[in-house]
Structures are given as C-alpha cells and as structure tokens.
Amino acid sequence: MELKRVVVTGLGALTPVGNNVADTWQALVAGVSGAGPITHFDASNFKCRIAAELKGFDAAQYFDRKEMRLFDGYTVYGLVSVDEAIRDAGLTDENIDKSRFGVIWGSGMGGVTSLQDEIIEYGASGRVPRFSPYWVPKVIIDICAGQIAIRHGLRGPNYCTAAACASSAAAISDAYNLIRLGKADAMIAGGSECAVIEAGIGGFGNMRALSTRNDDPQTASRPFDRDRDGFVLGEGAGALVVEEMEHALRRGAKIYAEITGSGLSADAYHITASHPEGLGVIDAMRQAVAESGMNLDDVDHINTHGTSTPIGDISEPKAIVGLFGEHAKHIAINSTKSMTGHLLGAAGAVEAIATILAICHGIVPPTINHFNDDPEIPQLDFTFNHARKCDVNFALSNAFGFGGHNVCLAFRKFDKNAL
C-alpha cells in the first residue's frame, strides 16, 4: 500500500504570549516572556508564586453560561484554539467529508481544575456527597476530543493521547499516521492544559520542578542557563489541521509545511528524570529523520523540549550531539518555553506550531534569559536572546513526558512546484 503524504493546513493557538497564532508568533520572535505573578489564586503561601498565565482571555466571549457549565478550562482552551485552526484551514461543509475528518487531542492533566474544585467543595460541605452531574464529563481526559467533534460535527477517528508533557506531540504523530494509512482525509491534532491551580503549583512545586525565582518571573524560565532552577508552569492550547496532501491541493488550501516523520520512544529509566545520555531521545530523533527520507545533516533547526530543569537541559543537548555529531554545531536550536513557560500536555502542539512558522518565515525564535553558560551542557547554537534569520527547510520538534515518553516530529518546507 502506498502511504499518503501529510501536510499542515491550519493553525490555532492560545498561549501566555498571545491569544491567537499571529500574536503568539510575533511575541516569540520578539523574545517576550509570558511569565508573571500568579493571579488565578492566592499563592502567597506557596514556594512558587509565578506562572505563565493567559493574558486578557475571557471565555464568555466565546461561550454562553449554559455551555460553560459543561466545560473544564482545558476544554475551553482547546475549543478556542481549534476554532481558529479550522477557520485558518478554510474547511467547510462543502469541501470536507466529515465522516473522514477526526480529532486526536492530548492533555497531561485533563480536567484537573474541575477535579480540584469539586473535591474542595465536597470537603467543605460537611461531607455531603453533592457532586455536579457535569463533573465526570468535565474531568475525563478524553472529553475535549469529544467536545471538539460535537462542536464541528466531525465523525472521523476520535480519541485522546495521554503521555504527560509529550501528549499533544503524540496526538500529532497519531494524526499523521492515520492519514498516511488512508483512514482519514483530515484530522484536528493538538492539546490543551489548564493546571495553574493550587494542585498544579503545589504538586510540581513540592517535586522541586518549578522555578522559585518569584522576584523576577520574566527571567525565571532559563533553558540551558547555568543558573536555571526549574520550569515555569504555563497554560493554553495549540491545534493543527493535518491533512492528506492531495486532498488539500484539490481544495486549494494553503499549506504551511509537510509532516514527513515522527519518532516515538521510551527512556525506560525513571518516572520523572530523563536518561542522562538521552538514549530514548536519540532513538526518537533518529526515527523521525529516517522516516522522512532525509539525512542527519539535512536538519536545520530543532525546537527542543528545553524546560529549564537542571537534569533535562543537560541530557537533551547530549542526545543531539550523540546523534548528529559535528553537524550538531550547525543546527539552530531553541526552547520557546523560555517565553511561554511549560504548557505540559499542550507544549508539543504549541512548539510544533513555532517550528512550522520558523520554516515558513525563515526565522528561529530565541531562547531568552541566557546569562551564563553551563559547562556541563555542550555548547551548541542555542539562538540565545535574539531571533535568528535563516533558511529552515527541515526541522524537528521534541517533546518529552514524565514516565520517559519521547516524541519527535519532523517538518519539511512544502514546495508545490517540486511535485
């Protein structure tokens, strides 16, 4: 069976640096930090009192009060980003068979906000079991995929991916493979997260995973810097319309880039720490490049997982050197988490969007907040502090998750004239 070619035709984003794709991209190129003091709740008693929250976002602009009773925040964020992606792709009832248009949605925490709120209310009520009848459909991790399908009448493959912080990257990988196999014409793929709550900050904080640079939040996310002290928790969503190439060409769609490969692996090492030498990461990147039919020295750019954690920021560059050798020095590497914070299960999709736009615009956003080199990290081209104009023809986007999950996505510039 001949495998189909797969392209990206629509993008949607809701991030700490922009409430749509255009604003997010502009902020990333400008090196704007989305971090600040937590406003969602009183964090004065927490070790970490900073996060990368959405700015100026009002769900009431998108949904009425009745609808809002049905949605956890992660579903709200997902629906908004998907609306943008579908508009951007120009998909209508007339140019898509909705029985062959599906959804794969990722999240690391799912409806954790509703989970926390209901349990707190239960505990405060004198142990009277008064749970909302909407509670289960708001909390379960697959519900955003279902709500997207209901909202847009999409009857194709539909499920969720849960691979911690690699969840939305895994969703994109699965969508790509379903289309390659001819099981769908188009898919919505991405992820969302709404975990800047007491449980999220307290849980990650007590693992010592979060930065406690509370007096200087905008420089707190410092991927690959010597003085990094943890990640900044973020929130939001990213959505891609992934489409079979011939289908996209027939309807005259604009094509951002082609997805040419994906790599999936496990570290099989530790529940939270990455493998010290990045063995699983090497496997995932090697798979993605090989599936693309490209050579290792064809890679121009890597959007790293780069969370600003002490261990992970060492192992990933080691993996890049371990796989690419001398060519590693010629790859423009960045971490957009230095600006967006870490969106957990939504990170892979948001960073895939940044990677695709780097290809489209020939600009690699910076890794901001670099002040001091870390002697334990291989000195690569991390595009520190300033965006880089350069040709990006073939790029990778890495996403890793607790449990040792690794996903690498490969994107190539699309040239219609080369068909």
Protein backbone atom coordinates (compact mmCIF):
# COMPACT_ATOMS: atom_id res chain seq x y z
CA MET A 1 0.00 0.00 0.00
CA GLU A 2 1.33 3.41 -0.96
CA LEU A 3 1.45 5.74 2.02
CA LYS A 4 -0.17 9.17 1.70
CA ARG A 5 1.71 12.42 2.13
CA VAL A 6 0.58 14.64 5.00
CA VAL A 7 0.58 18.43 5.27
CA VAL A 8 -0.43 21.09 7.80
CA THR A 9 -3.14 23.47 6.54
CA GLY A 10 -4.43 25.19 9.68
CA LEU A 11 -3.04 26.51 12.97
CA GLY A 12 -4.64 27.70 16.20
CA ALA A 13 -3.03 28.83 19.44
CA LEU A 14 -3.93 30.22 22.83
CA THR A 15 -0.78 30.87 24.84
CA PRO A 16 0.68 33.01 27.63
CA VAL A 17 2.19 35.30 24.99
CA GLY A 18 -0.78 35.58 22.61
CA ASN A 19 -4.44 34.64 22.26
CA ASN A 20 -4.02 33.55 18.64
CA VAL A 21 -1.31 32.30 16.31
CA ALA A 22 -0.31 35.69 14.88
CA ASP A 23 0.14 37.34 18.28
CA THR A 24 1.94 34.31 19.69
CA TRP A 25 4.39 34.22 16.79
CA GLN A 26 5.07 37.95 16.99
CA ALA A 27 5.81 37.65 20.71
CA LEU A 28 8.07 34.64 20.24
CA VAL A 29 10.16 36.36 17.58
CA ALA A 30 10.39 39.46 19.79
CA GLY A 31 11.52 37.40 22.79
CA VAL A 32 8.59 38.32 25.03
CA SER A 33 8.17 36.43 28.30
CA GLY A 34 4.67 35.35 29.33
CA ALA A 35 5.62 34.75 32.97
CA GLY A 36 4.40 36.80 35.91
CA PRO A 37 2.93 36.59 39.42
CA ILE A 38 0.06 34.11 39.77
CA THR A 39 -3.35 35.79 39.62
CA HIS A 40 -5.66 32.76 39.40
CA PHE A 41 -5.49 32.16 43.15
CA ASP A 42 -3.74 33.43 46.28
CA ALA A 43 -0.29 31.86 46.00
CA SER A 44 1.27 33.75 48.90
CA ASN A 45 1.83 30.57 50.93
CA PHE A 46 3.42 28.62 48.05
CA LYS A 47 7.14 28.28 47.39
CA CYS A 48 6.46 29.06 43.74
CA ARG A 49 4.29 32.13 43.20
CA ILE A 50 4.79 32.64 39.47
CA ALA A 51 3.34 31.12 36.31
CA ALA A 52 2.79 31.81 32.62
CA GLU A 53 -0.94 32.57 32.56
CA LEU A 54 -3.12 33.61 29.64
CA LYS A 55 -3.49 37.38 29.29
CA GLY A 56 -6.81 39.14 28.64
CA PHE A 57 -8.64 35.94 27.82
CA ASP A 58 -12.37 35.88 28.59
CA ALA A 59 -14.19 32.61 27.91
CA ALA A 60 -17.52 34.49 27.99
CA GLN A 61 -16.56 35.98 24.63
CA TYR A 62 -16.75 32.51 23.12
CA PHE A 63 -19.34 30.55 25.14
CA ASP A 64 -22.60 31.31 26.91
CA ARG A 65 -23.24 30.49 30.57
CA LYS A 66 -25.03 27.22 29.78
CA GLU A 67 -22.11 25.98 27.71
CA MET A 68 -19.59 26.97 30.36
CA ARG A 69 -21.27 24.65 32.87
CA LEU A 70 -20.18 21.74 30.66
CA PHE A 71 -16.52 22.66 30.20
CA ASP A 72 -13.39 22.48 32.27
CA GLY A 73 -10.85 25.15 31.45
CA TYR A 74 -8.73 22.75 29.39
CA THR A 75 -11.73 22.09 27.14
CA VAL A 76 -12.44 25.81 26.79
CA TYR A 77 -8.84 26.44 25.73
CA GLY A 78 -8.94 23.52 23.32
CA LEU A 79 -12.18 24.57 21.65
CA VAL A 80 -10.97 28.13 21.13
CA SER A 81 -7.70 27.05 19.52
CA VAL A 82 -9.49 24.53 17.29
CA ASP A 83 -11.98 27.16 16.11
CA GLU A 84 -9.04 29.26 14.94
CA ALA A 85 -7.30 26.32 13.23
CA ILE A 86 -10.42 25.30 11.30
CA ARG A 87 -11.03 28.89 10.17
CA ASP A 88 -7.40 29.19 9.18
CA ALA A 89 -7.59 25.99 7.12
CA GLY A 90 -10.69 27.19 5.28
CA LEU A 91 -12.54 23.94 5.91
CA THR A 92 -16.30 24.00 5.32
CA ASP A 93 -19.16 21.54 4.95
CA GLU A 94 -18.70 21.82 1.20
CA ASN A 95 -15.00 20.88 0.98
CA ILE A 96 -14.64 18.16 3.62
CA ASP A 97 -16.32 14.81 4.23
CA LYS A 98 -16.88 14.99 7.97
CA SER A 99 -17.05 11.22 8.26
CA ARG A 100 -13.35 11.28 7.31
CA PHE A 101 -12.41 14.28 9.48
CA GLY A 102 -11.37 13.31 13.01
CA VAL A 103 -9.83 14.57 16.24
CA ILE A 104 -6.92 13.42 18.38
CA TRP A 105 -6.38 15.62 21.41
CA GLY A 106 -3.70 15.43 24.08
CA SER A 107 -3.53 16.57 27.68
CA GLY A 108 -1.35 15.73 30.61
CA MET A 109 -3.76 16.72 33.38
CA GLY A 110 -7.19 16.87 31.68
CA GLY A 111 -9.96 18.43 33.75
CA VAL A 112 -7.82 18.85 36.85
CA THR A 113 -9.34 22.25 37.66
CA SER A 114 -12.83 20.77 37.93
CA LEU A 115 -11.45 17.79 39.83
CA GLN A 116 -9.86 20.08 42.41
CA ASP A 117 -12.86 22.38 42.72
CA GLU A 118 -15.41 19.61 43.26
CA ILE A 119 -13.28 17.84 45.86
CA ILE A 120 -12.68 21.10 47.76
CA GLU A 121 -16.41 21.83 47.71
CA TYR A 122 -17.17 18.29 48.88
CA GLY A 123 -14.70 18.62 51.75
CA ALA A 124 -16.15 21.96 52.81
CA SER A 125 -19.74 20.79 52.71
CA GLY A 126 -19.63 18.61 55.79
CA ARG A 127 -19.05 15.51 53.70
CA VAL A 128 -22.41 15.68 51.99
CA PRO A 129 -21.90 13.96 48.62
CA ARG A 130 -23.03 16.82 46.40
CA PHE A 131 -21.19 16.41 43.12
CA SER A 132 -22.22 18.20 39.97
CA PRO A 133 -23.84 15.93 37.37
CA TYR A 134 -21.45 17.57 34.89
CA TRP A 135 -18.39 16.67 36.95
CA VAL A 136 -17.39 13.39 35.28
CA PRO A 137 -17.84 14.69 31.70
CA LYS A 138 -15.78 17.77 32.62
CA VAL A 139 -12.92 15.82 34.21
CA ILE A 140 -12.27 12.83 31.96
CA ILE A 141 -9.23 13.35 29.79
CA ASP A 142 -10.87 12.34 26.50
CA ILE A 143 -13.72 14.83 26.76
CA CYS A 144 -12.04 17.69 24.89
CA ALA A 145 -11.67 15.48 21.80
CA GLY A 146 -15.34 14.61 22.11
CA GLN A 147 -16.44 18.21 22.57
CA ILE A 148 -14.42 19.32 19.53
CA ALA A 149 -16.12 16.66 17.42
CA ILE A 150 -19.57 17.63 18.70
CA ARG A 151 -18.98 21.33 18.09
CA HIS A 152 -17.87 20.79 14.49
CA GLY A 153 -19.73 17.60 13.57
CA LEU A 154 -16.54 15.62 12.96
CA ARG A 155 -17.28 11.89 12.70
CA GLY A 156 -13.83 10.54 11.89
CA PRO A 157 -11.36 8.87 14.31
CA ASN A 158 -11.66 10.41 17.75
CA TYR A 159 -9.66 9.83 20.91
CA CYS A 160 -7.18 11.37 23.34
CA THR A 161 -3.48 10.86 23.92
CA ALA A 162 -2.03 10.94 27.42
CA ALA A 163 1.76 10.94 27.51
CA ALA A 164 2.30 13.67 30.10
CA CYS A 165 4.17 16.59 28.51
CA ALA A 166 4.51 14.71 25.22
CA SER A 167 0.72 14.28 24.88
CA SER A 168 -0.06 16.76 22.10
CA ALA A 169 3.05 15.80 20.13
CA ALA A 170 1.84 12.19 20.31
CA ALA A 171 -1.56 13.38 19.06
CA ILE A 172 0.07 14.97 16.01
CA SER A 173 2.10 11.82 15.39
CA ASP A 174 -1.02 9.66 15.53
CA ALA A 175 -2.96 12.00 13.23
CA TYR A 176 -0.10 11.94 10.74
CA ASN A 177 -0.05 8.14 10.75
CA LEU A 178 -3.82 7.74 10.40
CA ILE A 179 -3.80 9.97 7.32
CA ARG A 180 -0.76 8.21 5.86
CA LEU A 181 -2.67 4.94 6.12
CA GLY A 182 -5.72 6.39 4.40
CA LYS A 183 -8.01 6.18 7.43
CA ALA A 184 -8.87 9.90 7.33
CA ASP A 185 -8.65 12.87 4.98
CA ALA A 186 -8.01 15.41 7.73
CA MET A 187 -7.51 15.48 11.48
CA ILE A 188 -7.54 18.05 14.24
CA ALA A 189 -4.49 17.33 16.38
CA GLY A 190 -3.16 19.19 19.39
CA GLY A 191 -3.61 19.60 23.09
CA SER A 192 -4.60 21.87 25.95
CA GLU A 193 -3.83 22.37 29.61
CA CYS A 194 -5.35 24.38 32.45
CA ALA A 195 -3.29 23.50 35.51
CA VAL A 196 -2.24 26.83 37.03
CA ILE A 197 -4.19 25.98 40.16
CA GLU A 198 -3.30 25.14 43.74
CA ALA A 199 -2.89 21.44 42.98
CA GLY A 200 -0.71 22.10 39.94
CA ILE A 201 1.59 24.62 41.58
CA GLY A 202 1.71 22.71 44.86
CA GLY A 203 2.31 19.33 43.27
CA PHE A 204 5.01 20.33 40.82
CA GLY A 205 6.47 22.71 43.38
CA ASN A 206 6.94 20.03 46.01
CA MET A 207 8.72 17.90 43.39
CA ARG A 208 11.16 20.84 43.10
CA ALA A 209 10.33 21.01 39.40
CA LEU A 210 9.27 24.68 39.40
CA SER A 211 11.36 27.81 39.41
CA THR A 212 11.09 29.83 42.62
CA ARG A 213 12.53 32.99 41.12
CA ASN A 214 9.45 34.82 42.40
CA ASP A 215 11.01 38.28 42.40
CA ASP A 216 11.96 38.09 38.73
CA PRO A 217 9.36 35.95 36.96
CA GLN A 218 10.10 37.13 33.42
CA THR A 219 13.63 35.71 33.60
CA ALA A 220 12.66 32.62 35.61
CA SER A 221 12.49 30.23 32.64
CA ARG A 222 16.16 29.85 31.69
CA PRO A 223 16.64 26.82 29.45
CA PHE A 224 20.30 25.78 29.18
CA ASP A 225 21.48 28.55 31.51
CA ARG A 226 23.84 27.66 34.33
CA ASP A 227 21.50 29.11 36.98
CA ARG A 228 18.22 27.52 35.86
CA ASP A 229 16.17 26.30 38.81
CA GLY A 230 13.07 24.70 37.27
CA PHE A 231 10.30 25.39 34.80
CA VAL A 232 7.54 27.99 34.84
CA LEU A 233 4.11 26.38 34.65
CA GLY A 234 2.04 27.63 31.72
CA GLU A 235 -1.46 27.15 30.34
CA GLY A 236 -3.18 27.25 26.98
CA ALA A 237 -3.62 25.19 23.82
CA GLY A 238 -2.32 24.51 20.35
CA ALA A 239 -4.23 23.00 17.42
CA LEU A 240 -3.17 21.86 13.95
CA VAL A 241 -5.27 20.84 10.96
CA VAL A 242 -3.37 17.89 9.50
CA GLU A 243 -4.50 16.90 6.03
CA GLU A 244 -3.77 14.44 3.22
CA MET A 245 -1.73 16.35 0.65
CA GLU A 246 -3.81 15.59 -2.46
CA HIS A 247 -6.99 16.44 -0.57
CA ALA A 248 -5.51 19.80 0.45
CA LEU A 249 -4.31 20.56 -3.08
CA ARG A 250 -7.69 19.72 -4.62
CA ARG A 251 -9.46 22.27 -2.44
CA GLY A 252 -6.80 24.90 -2.98
CA ALA A 253 -5.69 25.05 0.66
CA LYS A 254 -2.64 26.98 1.76
CA ILE A 255 0.00 24.57 3.04
CA TYR A 256 2.28 25.60 5.89
CA ALA A 257 4.60 22.58 5.84
CA GLU A 258 4.71 18.86 5.29
CA ILE A 259 4.92 16.38 8.16
CA THR A 260 7.49 13.88 6.99
CA GLY A 261 8.19 11.74 10.02
CA SER A 262 7.69 11.05 13.70
CA GLY A 263 9.72 9.17 16.24
CA LEU A 264 8.41 7.55 19.42
CA SER A 265 10.46 6.01 22.21
CA ALA A 266 10.76 5.45 25.95
CA ASP A 267 13.70 6.20 28.20
CA ALA A 268 12.83 3.15 30.34
CA TYR A 269 14.88 4.83 33.05
CA HIS A 270 13.00 6.87 35.67
CA ILE A 271 9.48 8.17 36.33
CA THR A 272 10.48 11.85 36.13
CA ALA A 273 14.16 12.18 35.20
CA SER A 274 15.31 11.85 31.60
CA HIS A 275 18.04 9.38 30.71
CA PRO A 276 21.39 11.08 31.46
CA GLU A 277 22.72 10.41 27.96
CA GLY A 278 19.38 10.92 26.24
CA LEU A 279 19.25 7.43 24.73
CA GLY A 280 15.49 7.47 24.18
CA VAL A 281 15.69 10.95 22.70
CA ILE A 282 18.34 9.77 20.24
CA ASP A 283 16.06 6.92 19.18
CA ALA A 284 13.08 9.23 18.62
CA MET A 285 15.04 11.80 16.60
CA ARG A 286 16.73 9.09 14.52
CA GLN A 287 13.35 7.55 13.68
CA ALA A 288 11.83 10.88 12.65
CA VAL A 289 14.71 11.77 10.33
CA ALA A 290 14.89 8.29 8.80
CA GLU A 291 11.14 8.15 8.16
CA SER A 292 11.44 11.50 6.41
CA GLY A 293 13.93 10.04 3.94
CA MET A 294 16.38 12.76 4.94
CA ASN A 295 19.97 12.69 6.15
CA LEU A 296 21.02 13.78 9.61
CA ASP A 297 22.95 16.73 8.17
CA ASP A 298 19.75 17.99 6.49
CA VAL A 299 18.36 19.14 9.85
CA ASP A 300 18.43 22.93 10.04
CA HIS A 301 16.54 23.57 13.29
CA ILE A 302 15.40 21.78 16.45
CA ASN A 303 12.78 23.20 18.79
CA THR A 304 13.88 21.40 21.93
CA HIS A 305 11.84 20.23 24.90
CA GLY A 306 14.15 22.54 26.91
CA THR A 307 12.20 23.06 30.13
CA SER A 308 14.78 24.90 32.28
CA THR A 309 15.24 21.96 34.64
CA PRO A 310 18.70 21.04 35.95
CA ILE A 311 18.84 17.47 34.54
CA GLY A 312 16.72 17.61 31.40
CA ASP A 313 18.57 20.58 29.95
CA ILE A 314 21.79 18.57 30.04
CA SER A 315 20.54 15.28 28.61
CA GLU A 316 18.79 16.69 25.53
CA PRO A 317 21.83 18.57 24.14
CA LYS A 318 23.90 15.46 24.84
CA ALA A 319 21.42 13.46 22.80
CA ILE A 320 21.66 15.98 19.94
CA VAL A 321 25.44 15.68 19.91
CA GLY A 322 25.19 11.90 20.28
CA LEU A 323 23.05 11.61 17.16
CA PHE A 324 24.24 14.45 14.92
CA GLY A 325 27.93 14.57 15.81
CA GLU A 326 29.73 17.54 14.27
CA HIS A 327 26.58 18.65 12.45
CA ALA A 328 25.00 19.43 15.84
CA LYS A 329 27.02 22.66 15.89
CA HIS A 330 25.32 23.81 12.69
CA ILE A 331 21.71 23.30 13.86
CA ALA A 332 19.78 26.35 15.09
CA ILE A 333 18.44 25.12 18.44
CA ASN A 334 15.94 26.89 20.66
CA SER A 335 13.50 26.50 23.52
CA THR A 336 10.33 28.55 23.18
CA LYS A 337 9.48 27.51 26.75
CA SER A 338 11.81 30.32 27.77
CA MET A 339 8.91 32.57 26.73
CA THR A 340 5.70 30.53 27.01
CA GLY A 341 6.62 28.60 30.11
CA HIS A 342 5.84 24.89 30.12
CA LEU A 343 2.32 24.13 28.89
CA LEU A 344 2.61 20.46 29.93
CA GLY A 345 0.42 18.38 27.60
CA ALA A 346 -0.16 21.33 25.27
CA ALA A 347 3.55 22.10 24.88
CA GLY A 348 4.19 19.75 21.97
CA ALA A 349 1.48 21.30 19.81
CA VAL A 350 2.42 24.90 20.58
CA GLU A 351 6.07 24.14 19.85
CA ALA A 352 5.18 22.28 16.65
CA ILE A 353 3.40 25.46 15.54
CA ALA A 354 6.51 27.52 16.35
CA THR A 355 8.64 25.05 14.38
CA ILE A 356 6.32 25.21 11.36
CA LEU A 357 6.31 29.01 11.41
CA ALA A 358 10.11 29.03 11.62
CA ILE A 359 10.09 27.10 8.35
CA CYS A 360 7.52 29.42 6.78
CA HIS A 361 9.18 32.69 7.79
CA GLY A 362 12.86 31.72 7.88
CA ILE A 363 13.15 32.92 11.46
CA VAL A 364 14.11 30.87 14.53
CA PRO A 365 12.74 32.45 17.73
CA PRO A 366 15.27 32.95 20.51
CA THR A 367 15.96 31.11 23.72
CA ILE A 368 15.67 34.09 26.06
CA ASN A 369 17.04 34.56 29.57
CA HIS A 370 20.51 33.25 28.92
CA PHE A 371 23.06 34.85 31.19
CA ASN A 372 25.73 32.23 31.92
CA ASP A 373 26.93 29.16 30.05
CA ASP A 374 26.68 25.83 31.83
CA PRO A 375 29.95 23.90 31.49
CA GLU A 376 28.01 20.60 31.66
CA ILE A 377 25.99 21.44 28.54
CA PRO A 378 27.55 21.02 25.07
CA GLN A 379 27.95 24.46 23.57
CA LEU A 380 25.62 24.38 20.59
CA ASP A 381 23.85 27.11 18.61
CA PHE A 382 21.02 27.77 21.10
CA THR A 383 20.00 31.09 19.46
CA PHE A 384 20.34 32.75 22.83
CA ASN A 385 18.43 36.00 23.46
CA HIS A 386 17.86 37.05 19.83
CA ALA A 387 15.82 35.60 16.97
CA ARG A 388 17.81 34.25 14.02
CA LYS A 389 17.00 34.79 10.36
CA CYS A 390 18.00 31.68 8.46
CA ASP A 391 16.69 29.23 5.89
CA VAL A 392 14.82 26.42 7.61
CA ASN A 393 13.98 23.64 5.17
CA PHE A 394 13.84 20.67 7.53
CA ALA A 395 13.22 20.88 11.27
CA LEU A 396 12.46 18.75 14.32
CA SER A 397 10.29 19.43 17.35
CA ASN A 398 10.95 17.44 20.53
CA ALA A 399 8.55 16.71 23.38
CA PHE A 400 9.19 14.51 26.41
CA GLY A 401 7.00 13.49 29.33
CA PHE A 402 7.15 12.09 32.85
CA GLY A 403 7.30 8.32 32.58
CA GLY A 404 10.04 8.57 29.97
CA HIS A 405 7.84 9.26 26.92
CA ASN A 406 9.65 10.80 23.94
CA VAL A 407 8.15 12.16 20.72
CA CYS A 408 9.99 13.82 17.85
CA LEU A 409 8.09 15.38 14.94
CA ALA A 410 9.75 16.17 11.60
CA PHE A 411 8.56 19.00 9.35
CA ARG A 412 9.78 19.98 5.88
CA LYS A 413 9.21 23.07 3.78
CA PHE A 414 6.50 22.38 1.20
CA ASP A 415 7.27 23.14 -2.42
CA LYS A 416 4.24 22.71 -4.65
CA ASN A 417 6.42 23.16 -7.73
CA ALA A 418 8.50 20.14 -6.79
CA LEU A 419 5.55 17.71 -7.03
